[in-house]
Amino acid sequence: MVVDQRSFLLLGSGVVHVLRPGEHLTHPVGGYVTDDGYRPFDFGTYRLTWSGETATLELWGDPNMPVSPAHQRLPCS
């Protein structure tokens, strides 16, 4: 998994990519938006678990900096 996080003024966002075996380019499989430019991967407020070729990504901030969506199933095949 590769995450591209961005923040600008009072908004943050991210795109989650997967790099499939044998390929050189990533493919976007999910994304999120945050308040106040919050970057959940920088602050370690995420959990990634695997079940076969599907990942479950959980993201959280705090009441003043929510992350949406907070729960995603990402196909990685």
PDB file of N, CA and C in Angstrom:
ATOM      1  N   MET A   1       0.840  -1.160   0.000  1.00  0.00           N
ATOM      2  CA  MET A   1       0.000   0.000   0.000  1.00  0.00           C
ATOM      3  C   MET A   1       0.895   1.237   0.000  1.00  0.00           C
ATOM      4  N   VAL A   2       0.434   2.229  -0.710  1.00  0.00           N
ATOM      5  CA  VAL A   2       1.096   3.523  -0.772  1.00  0.00           C
ATOM      6  C   VAL A   2       0.023   4.570  -0.522  1.00  0.00           C
ATOM      7  N   VAL A   3       0.324   5.554   0.315  1.00  0.00           N
ATOM      8  CA  VAL A   3      -0.642   6.609   0.605  1.00  0.00           C
ATOM      9  C   VAL A   3      -0.056   7.948   0.204  1.00  0.00           C
ATOM     10  N   ASP A   4      -0.829   8.709  -0.545  1.00  0.00           N
ATOM     11  CA  ASP A   4      -0.464  10.070  -0.938  1.00  0.00           C
ATOM     12  C   ASP A   4      -1.320  11.010  -0.106  1.00  0.00           C
ATOM     13  N   GLN A   5      -0.704  11.644   0.915  1.00  0.00           N
ATOM     14  CA  GLN A   5      -1.426  12.574   1.785  1.00  0.00           C
ATOM     15  C   GLN A   5      -1.167  14.002   1.339  1.00  0.00           C
ATOM     16  N   ARG A   6      -2.212  14.805   1.432  1.00  0.00           N
ATOM     17  CA  ARG A   6      -2.081  16.228   1.083  1.00  0.00           C
ATOM     18  C   ARG A   6      -2.846  17.059   2.101  1.00  0.00           C
ATOM     19  N   SER A   7      -2.341  18.251   2.339  1.00  0.00           N
ATOM     20  CA  SER A   7      -3.094  19.194   3.162  1.00  0.00           C
ATOM     21  C   SER A   7      -2.925  20.587   2.583  1.00  0.00           C
ATOM     22  N   PHE A   8      -3.997  21.342   2.623  1.00  0.00           N
ATOM     23  CA  PHE A   8      -3.999  22.706   2.115  1.00  0.00           C
ATOM     24  C   PHE A   8      -4.971  23.508   2.951  1.00  0.00           C
ATOM     25  N   LEU A   9      -4.462  24.537   3.584  1.00  0.00           N
ATOM     26  CA  LEU A   9      -5.266  25.388   4.458  1.00  0.00           C
ATOM     27  C   LEU A   9      -6.010  24.539   5.475  1.00  0.00           C
ATOM     28  N   LEU A  10      -7.332  24.476   5.406  1.00  0.00           N
ATOM     29  CA  LEU A  10      -8.101  23.771   6.432  1.00  0.00           C
ATOM     30  C   LEU A  10      -8.652  22.435   5.959  1.00  0.00           C
ATOM     31  N   LEU A  11      -8.075  21.871   4.910  1.00  0.00           N
ATOM     32  CA  LEU A  11      -8.565  20.602   4.373  1.00  0.00           C
ATOM     33  C   LEU A  11      -7.398  19.649   4.158  1.00  0.00           C
ATOM     34  N   GLY A  12      -7.619  18.402   4.453  1.00  0.00           N
ATOM     35  CA  GLY A  12      -6.627  17.373   4.170  1.00  0.00           C
ATOM     36  C   GLY A  12      -7.284  16.269   3.370  1.00  0.00           C
ATOM     37  N   SER A  13      -6.488  15.509   2.658  1.00  0.00           N
ATOM     38  CA  SER A  13      -7.025  14.385   1.905  1.00  0.00           C
ATOM     39  C   SER A  13      -5.915  13.377   1.667  1.00  0.00           C
ATOM     40  N   GLY A  14      -6.323  12.211   1.229  1.00  0.00           N
ATOM     41  CA  GLY A  14      -5.360  11.180   0.905  1.00  0.00           C
ATOM     42  C   GLY A  14      -5.944  10.212  -0.093  1.00  0.00           C
ATOM     43  N   VAL A  15      -5.072   9.633  -0.878  1.00  0.00           N
ATOM     44  CA  VAL A  15      -5.450   8.588  -1.819  1.00  0.00           C
ATOM     45  C   VAL A  15      -4.617   7.365  -1.470  1.00  0.00           C
ATOM     46  N   VAL A  16      -5.292   6.234  -1.339  1.00  0.00           N
ATOM     47  CA  VAL A  16      -4.631   4.982  -1.010  1.00  0.00           C
ATOM     48  C   VAL A  16      -4.446   4.198  -2.309  1.00  0.00           C
ATOM     49  N   HIS A  17      -3.216   3.767  -2.557  1.00  0.00           N
ATOM     50  CA  HIS A  17      -2.882   3.029  -3.772  1.00  0.00           C
ATOM     51  C   HIS A  17      -2.367   1.645  -3.394  1.00  0.00           C
ATOM     52  N   VAL A  18      -2.465   0.739  -4.337  1.00  0.00           N
ATOM     53  CA  VAL A  18      -1.879  -0.594  -4.174  1.00  0.00           C
ATOM     54  C   VAL A  18      -0.915  -0.819  -5.339  1.00  0.00           C
ATOM     55  N   LEU A  19       0.185  -1.468  -5.037  1.00  0.00           N
ATOM     56  CA  LEU A  19       1.159  -1.863  -6.058  1.00  0.00           C
ATOM     57  C   LEU A  19       1.031  -3.368  -6.223  1.00  0.00           C
ATOM     58  N   ARG A  20       0.488  -3.776  -7.346  1.00  0.00           N
ATOM     59  CA  ARG A  20       0.247  -5.189  -7.595  1.00  0.00           C
ATOM     60  C   ARG A  20       1.551  -5.892  -7.983  1.00  0.00           C
ATOM     61  N   PRO A  21       1.673  -7.176  -7.651  1.00  0.00           N
ATOM     62  CA  PRO A  21       2.896  -7.921  -7.968  1.00  0.00           C
ATOM     63  C   PRO A  21       3.241  -7.843  -9.455  1.00  0.00           C
ATOM     64  N   GLY A  22       4.507  -7.586  -9.732  1.00  0.00           N
ATOM     65  CA  GLY A  22       4.985  -7.539 -11.100  1.00  0.00           C
ATOM     66  C   GLY A  22       4.699  -6.246 -11.848  1.00  0.00           C
ATOM     67  N   GLU A  23       4.022  -5.291 -11.210  1.00  0.00           N
ATOM     68  CA  GLU A  23       3.713  -4.033 -11.872  1.00  0.00           C
ATOM     69  C   GLU A  23       4.598  -2.917 -11.340  1.00  0.00           C
ATOM     70  N   HIS A  24       4.688  -1.842 -12.101  1.00  0.00           N
ATOM     71  CA  HIS A  24       5.524  -0.708 -11.711  1.00  0.00           C
ATOM     72  C   HIS A  24       4.709   0.536 -11.373  1.00  0.00           C
ATOM     73  N   LEU A  25       3.424   0.513 -11.686  1.00  0.00           N
ATOM     74  CA  LEU A  25       2.548   1.648 -11.396  1.00  0.00           C
ATOM     75  C   LEU A  25       1.531   1.254 -10.334  1.00  0.00           C
ATOM     76  N   THR A  26       1.213   2.181  -9.453  1.00  0.00           N
ATOM     77  CA  THR A  26       0.213   1.924  -8.429  1.00  0.00           C
ATOM     78  C   THR A  26      -1.186   2.178  -8.991  1.00  0.00           C
ATOM     79  N   HIS A  27      -2.172   1.613  -8.300  1.00  0.00           N
ATOM     80  CA  HIS A  27      -3.578   1.786  -8.674  1.00  0.00           C
ATOM     81  C   HIS A  27      -4.334   2.326  -7.464  1.00  0.00           C
ATOM     82  N   PRO A  28      -5.101   3.424  -7.612  1.00  0.00           N
ATOM     83  CA  PRO A  28      -5.869   3.942  -6.483  1.00  0.00           C
ATOM     84  C   PRO A  28      -7.007   2.989  -6.116  1.00  0.00           C
ATOM     85  N   VAL A  29      -7.146   2.716  -4.820  1.00  0.00           N
ATOM     86  CA  VAL A  29      -8.200   1.812  -4.346  1.00  0.00           C
ATOM     87  C   VAL A  29      -9.055   2.434  -3.247  1.00  0.00           C
ATOM     88  N   GLY A  30      -8.699   3.612  -2.764  1.00  0.00           N
ATOM     89  CA  GLY A  30      -9.475   4.262  -1.710  1.00  0.00           C
ATOM     90  C   GLY A  30      -9.002   5.680  -1.502  1.00  0.00           C
ATOM     91  N   GLY A  31      -9.686   6.379  -0.630  1.00  0.00           N
ATOM     92  CA  GLY A  31      -9.310   7.755  -0.327  1.00  0.00           C
ATOM     93  C   GLY A  31     -10.066   8.261   0.888  1.00  0.00           C
ATOM     94  N   TYR A  32      -9.685   9.424   1.348  1.00  0.00           N
ATOM     95  CA  TYR A  32     -10.323  10.016   2.522  1.00  0.00           C
ATOM     96  C   TYR A  32     -10.133  11.525   2.497  1.00  0.00           C
ATOM     97  N   VAL A  33     -10.926  12.220   3.308  1.00  0.00           N
ATOM     98  CA  VAL A  33     -10.765  13.656   3.535  1.00  0.00           C
ATOM     99  C   VAL A  33     -10.725  13.894   5.037  1.00  0.00           C
ATOM    100  N   THR A  34     -10.045  14.963   5.429  1.00  0.00           N
ATOM    101  CA  THR A  34      -9.924  15.297   6.843  1.00  0.00           C
ATOM    102  C   THR A  34     -10.179  16.786   7.042  1.00  0.00           C
ATOM    103  N   ASP A  35     -10.414  17.137   8.271  1.00  0.00           N
ATOM    104  CA  ASP A  35     -10.612  18.536   8.631  1.00  0.00           C
ATOM    105  C   ASP A  35      -9.293  19.105   9.154  1.00  0.00           C
ATOM    106  N   ASP A  36      -9.088  20.365   8.963  1.00  0.00           N
ATOM    107  CA  ASP A  36      -7.914  21.098   9.466  1.00  0.00           C
ATOM    108  C   ASP A  36      -6.585  20.550   8.963  1.00  0.00           C
ATOM    109  N   GLY A  37      -6.577  19.936   7.783  1.00  0.00           N
ATOM    110  CA  GLY A  37      -5.329  19.443   7.213  1.00  0.00           C
ATOM    111  C   GLY A  37      -4.724  18.272   7.957  1.00  0.00           C
ATOM    112  N   TYR A  38      -5.529  17.580   8.758  1.00  0.00           N
ATOM    113  CA  TYR A  38      -5.034  16.447   9.549  1.00  0.00           C
ATOM    114  C   TYR A  38      -4.488  15.351   8.643  1.00  0.00           C
ATOM    115  N   ARG A  39      -3.374  14.735   9.056  1.00  0.00           N
ATOM    116  CA  ARG A  39      -2.711  13.677   8.271  1.00  0.00           C
ATOM    117  C   ARG A  39      -2.621  12.414   9.129  1.00  0.00           C
ATOM    118  N   PRO A  40      -3.614  11.528   9.025  1.00  0.00           N
ATOM    119  CA  PRO A  40      -3.670  10.374   9.936  1.00  0.00           C
ATOM    120  C   PRO A  40      -2.456   9.448   9.866  1.00  0.00           C
ATOM    121  N   PHE A  41      -1.818   9.312   8.711  1.00  0.00           N
ATOM    122  CA  PHE A  41      -0.662   8.419   8.626  1.00  0.00           C
ATOM    123  C   PHE A  41       0.557   9.039   9.296  1.00  0.00           C
ATOM    124  N   ASP A  42       0.678  10.355   9.268  1.00  0.00           N
ATOM    125  CA  ASP A  42       1.780  11.022   9.970  1.00  0.00           C
ATOM    126  C   ASP A  42       1.662  10.860  11.480  1.00  0.00           C
ATOM    127  N   PHE A  43       0.427  10.822  11.995  1.00  0.00           N
ATOM    128  CA  PHE A  43       0.204  10.753  13.430  1.00  0.00           C
ATOM    129  C   PHE A  43      -0.064   9.334  13.929  1.00  0.00           C
ATOM    130  N   GLY A  44      -0.023   8.361  13.025  1.00  0.00           N
ATOM    131  CA  GLY A  44      -0.208   6.968  13.438  1.00  0.00           C
ATOM    132  C   GLY A  44      -1.630   6.631  13.842  1.00  0.00           C
ATOM    133  N   THR A  45      -2.614   7.408  13.397  1.00  0.00           N
ATOM    134  CA  THR A  45      -4.006   7.155  13.772  1.00  0.00           C
ATOM    135  C   THR A  45      -4.704   6.365  12.667  1.00  0.00           C
ATOM    136  N   TYR A  46      -4.165   5.192  12.424  1.00  0.00           N
ATOM    137  CA  TYR A  46      -4.744   4.290  11.432  1.00  0.00           C
ATOM    138  C   TYR A  46      -4.451   2.852  11.839  1.00  0.00           C
ATOM    139  N   ARG A  47      -5.244   1.937  11.278  1.00  0.00           N
ATOM    140  CA  ARG A  47      -5.011   0.507  11.472  1.00  0.00           C
ATOM    141  C   ARG A  47      -5.300  -0.149  10.126  1.00  0.00           C
ATOM    142  N   LEU A  48      -4.402  -1.008   9.684  1.00  0.00           N
ATOM    143  CA  LEU A  48      -4.550  -1.728   8.426  1.00  0.00           C
ATOM    144  C   LEU A  48      -4.491  -3.211   8.729  1.00  0.00           C
ATOM    145  N   THR A  49      -5.545  -3.944   8.373  1.00  0.00           N
ATOM    146  CA  THR A  49      -5.576  -5.384   8.569  1.00  0.00           C
ATOM    147  C   THR A  49      -5.897  -6.049   7.232  1.00  0.00           C
ATOM    148  N   TRP A  50      -5.437  -7.279   7.089  1.00  0.00           N
ATOM    149  CA  TRP A  50      -5.600  -8.011   5.835  1.00  0.00           C
ATOM    150  C   TRP A  50      -6.444  -9.246   6.037  1.00  0.00           C
ATOM    151  N   SER A  51      -7.233  -9.567   5.007  1.00  0.00           N
ATOM    152  CA  SER A  51      -7.966 -10.824   4.932  1.00  0.00           C
ATOM    153  C   SER A  51      -7.918 -11.257   3.476  1.00  0.00           C
ATOM    154  N   GLY A  52      -7.028 -12.189   3.168  1.00  0.00           N
ATOM    155  CA  GLY A  52      -6.843 -12.591   1.779  1.00  0.00           C
ATOM    156  C   GLY A  52      -6.294 -11.432   0.972  1.00  0.00           C
ATOM    157  N   GLU A  53      -6.975 -11.072  -0.105  1.00  0.00           N
ATOM    158  CA  GLU A  53      -6.533  -9.973  -0.960  1.00  0.00           C
ATOM    159  C   GLU A  53      -7.327  -8.691  -0.723  1.00  0.00           C
ATOM    160  N   THR A  54      -7.950  -8.591   0.447  1.00  0.00           N
ATOM    161  CA  THR A  54      -8.698  -7.388   0.821  1.00  0.00           C
ATOM    162  C   THR A  54      -8.110  -6.815   2.098  1.00  0.00           C
ATOM    163  N   ALA A  55      -7.884  -5.518   2.092  1.00  0.00           N
ATOM    164  CA  ALA A  55      -7.387  -4.824   3.282  1.00  0.00           C
ATOM    165  C   ALA A  55      -8.536  -4.025   3.894  1.00  0.00           C
ATOM    166  N   THR A  56      -8.543  -3.943   5.196  1.00  0.00           N
ATOM    167  CA  THR A  56      -9.486  -3.078   5.903  1.00  0.00           C
ATOM    168  C   THR A  56      -8.676  -1.951   6.519  1.00  0.00           C
ATOM    169  N   LEU A  57      -9.031  -0.725   6.165  1.00  0.00           N
ATOM    170  CA  LEU A  57      -8.329   0.450   6.655  1.00  0.00           C
ATOM    171  C   LEU A  57      -9.248   1.232   7.580  1.00  0.00           C
ATOM    172  N   GLU A  58      -8.776   1.475   8.800  1.00  0.00           N
ATOM    173  CA  GLU A  58      -9.504   2.290   9.768  1.00  0.00           C
ATOM    174  C   GLU A  58      -8.678   3.545  10.027  1.00  0.00           C
ATOM    175  N   LEU A  59      -9.316   4.688   9.945  1.00  0.00           N
ATOM    176  CA  LEU A  59      -8.668   5.987  10.175  1.00  0.00           C
ATOM    177  C   LEU A  59      -9.437   6.746  11.244  1.00  0.00           C
ATOM    178  N   TRP A  60      -8.718   7.465  12.092  1.00  0.00           N
ATOM    179  CA  TRP A  60      -9.403   8.303  13.074  1.00  0.00           C
ATOM    180  C   TRP A  60      -8.567   9.536  13.347  1.00  0.00           C
ATOM    181  N   GLY A  61      -9.235  10.568  13.743  1.00  0.00           N
ATOM    182  CA  GLY A  61      -8.591  11.811  14.143  1.00  0.00           C
ATOM    183  C   GLY A  61      -8.984  12.078  15.579  1.00  0.00           C
ATOM    184  N   ASP A  62      -9.576  13.228  15.822  1.00  0.00           N
ATOM    185  CA  ASP A  62     -10.174  13.524  17.115  1.00  0.00           C
ATOM    186  C   ASP A  62     -11.459  14.301  16.833  1.00  0.00           C
ATOM    187  N   PRO A  63     -12.259  14.630  17.847  1.00  0.00           N
ATOM    188  CA  PRO A  63     -13.533  15.308  17.586  1.00  0.00           C
ATOM    189  C   PRO A  63     -13.390  16.615  16.790  1.00  0.00           C
ATOM    190  N   ASN A  64     -12.250  17.278  16.899  1.00  0.00           N
ATOM    191  CA  ASN A  64     -12.053  18.532  16.174  1.00  0.00           C
ATOM    192  C   ASN A  64     -11.457  18.338  14.786  1.00  0.00           C
ATOM    193  N   MET A  65     -10.940  17.145  14.501  1.00  0.00           N
ATOM    194  CA  MET A  65     -10.325  16.850  13.201  1.00  0.00           C
ATOM    195  C   MET A  65     -10.779  15.476  12.721  1.00  0.00           C
ATOM    196  N   PRO A  66     -12.043  15.365  12.287  1.00  0.00           N
ATOM    197  CA  PRO A  66     -12.553  14.060  11.866  1.00  0.00           C
ATOM    198  C   PRO A  66     -11.969  13.614  10.526  1.00  0.00           C
ATOM    199  N   VAL A  67     -12.024  12.314  10.308  1.00  0.00           N
ATOM    200  CA  VAL A  67     -11.573  11.693   9.063  1.00  0.00           C
ATOM    201  C   VAL A  67     -12.774  10.959   8.458  1.00  0.00           C
ATOM    202  N   SER A  68     -12.982  11.114   7.159  1.00  0.00           N
ATOM    203  CA  SER A  68     -14.118  10.469   6.514  1.00  0.00           C
ATOM    204  C   SER A  68     -13.698   9.915   5.155  1.00  0.00           C
ATOM    205  N   PRO A  69     -14.059   8.689   4.819  1.00  0.00           N
ATOM    206  CA  PRO A  69     -14.702   7.694   5.678  1.00  0.00           C
ATOM    207  C   PRO A  69     -13.691   7.124   6.662  1.00  0.00           C
ATOM    208  N   ALA A  70     -14.184   6.717   7.794  1.00  0.00           N
ATOM    209  CA  ALA A  70     -13.312   6.217   8.848  1.00  0.00           C
ATOM    210  C   ALA A  70     -13.000   4.737   8.688  1.00  0.00           C
ATOM    211  N   HIS A  71     -13.784   4.036   7.879  1.00  0.00           N
ATOM    212  CA  HIS A  71     -13.634   2.592   7.728  1.00  0.00           C
ATOM    213  C   HIS A  71     -13.798   2.244   6.242  1.00  0.00           C
ATOM    214  N   GLN A  72     -12.812   1.558   5.660  1.00  0.00           N
ATOM    215  CA  GLN A  72     -12.865   1.203   4.236  1.00  0.00           C
ATOM    216  C   GLN A  72     -12.362  -0.211   4.015  1.00  0.00           C
ATOM    217  N   ARG A  73     -12.990  -0.908   3.078  1.00  0.00           N
ATOM    218  CA  ARG A  73     -12.492  -2.197   2.598  1.00  0.00           C
ATOM    219  C   ARG A  73     -11.859  -1.924   1.239  1.00  0.00           C
ATOM    220  N   LEU A  74     -10.600  -2.306   1.082  1.00  0.00           N
ATOM    221  CA  LEU A  74      -9.845  -1.988  -0.111  1.00  0.00           C
ATOM    222  C   LEU A  74      -9.466  -3.261  -0.873  1.00  0.00           C
ATOM    223  N   PRO A  75      -9.887  -3.393  -2.128  1.00  0.00           N
ATOM    224  CA  PRO A  75      -9.493  -4.559  -2.914  1.00  0.00           C
ATOM    225  C   PRO A  75      -8.040  -4.413  -3.361  1.00  0.00           C
ATOM    226  N   CYS A  76      -7.242  -5.427  -3.135  1.00  0.00           N
ATOM    227  CA  CYS A  76      -5.820  -5.323  -3.436  1.00  0.00           C
ATOM    228  C   CYS A  76      -5.351  -6.368  -4.429  1.00  0.00           C
ATOM    229  N   SER A  77      -6.253  -6.940  -5.177  1.00  0.00           N
ATOM    230  CA  SER A  77      -5.852  -7.937  -6.172  1.00  0.00           C
ATOM    231  C   SER A  77      -5.730  -7.324  -7.545  1.00  0.00           C
TER     232      SER A  77
END
